Amino acid sequence: MPRDLAILACTECKRRNYTTTRNKRTMTERVEKVKYCPFDRKRTVHKEVK
């Protein structure tokens, strides 16, 4: 199956807030998105964790 589940964690508070899917064949690097962090109450960068 080419789609993989990616868990996104906030870079500031280190909490795992979001999940998303990614295509392993086209996106070989880790996912990085700007999302809203409810604990910091602002938009921060969220990176994929294992």
Protein backbone atom coordinates (compact mmCIF):
# COMPACT_ATOMS: atom_id res chain seq x y z
CA MET A 1 0.00 0.00 0.00
CA PRO A 2 1.62 3.33 -1.02
CA ARG A 3 -0.17 5.56 1.54
CA ASP A 4 1.28 5.77 5.02
CA LEU A 5 -0.06 7.29 8.25
CA ALA A 6 2.02 10.27 9.46
CA ILE A 7 1.77 11.63 13.00
CA LEU A 8 2.55 15.35 13.33
CA ALA A 9 4.09 16.82 16.49
CA CYS A 10 4.47 20.48 17.39
CA THR A 11 8.07 21.74 17.31
CA GLU A 12 7.55 24.05 20.29
CA CYS A 13 5.54 22.03 22.82
CA LYS A 14 6.51 18.57 21.40
CA ARG A 15 2.95 17.25 21.64
CA ARG A 16 1.44 15.03 18.97
CA ASN A 17 -1.61 16.93 17.76
CA TYR A 18 -2.47 15.79 14.23
CA THR A 19 -2.43 12.76 11.94
CA THR A 20 -2.36 12.80 8.16
CA THR A 21 -1.54 10.45 5.31
CA ARG A 22 1.30 10.69 2.82
CA ASN A 23 2.34 8.87 -0.32
CA LYS A 24 5.59 7.03 0.40
CA ARG A 25 6.59 6.90 -3.27
CA THR A 26 6.33 10.62 -4.03
CA MET A 27 7.12 12.11 -0.60
CA THR A 28 10.28 10.41 0.63
CA GLU A 29 11.14 13.12 3.19
CA ARG A 30 9.29 13.73 6.43
CA VAL A 31 6.15 15.86 6.28
CA GLU A 32 6.33 19.41 7.66
CA LYS A 33 3.24 21.63 7.90
CA VAL A 34 2.19 24.84 9.63
CA LYS A 35 -0.82 23.95 11.79
CA TYR A 36 -2.65 25.44 14.77
CA CYS A 37 -1.42 24.21 18.15
CA PRO A 38 -4.22 24.37 20.76
CA PHE A 39 -1.73 24.19 23.64
CA ASP A 40 0.34 27.17 22.44
CA ARG A 41 -2.75 28.89 20.97
CA LYS A 42 -0.93 29.89 17.79
CA ARG A 43 0.17 28.49 14.43
CA THR A 44 3.43 26.56 14.65
CA VAL A 45 5.43 24.16 12.50
CA HIS A 46 4.45 20.52 12.95
CA LYS A 47 6.88 17.80 11.86
CA GLU A 48 6.34 14.12 11.26
CA VAL A 49 7.47 11.77 14.04
CA LYS A 50 7.85 8.00 14.03
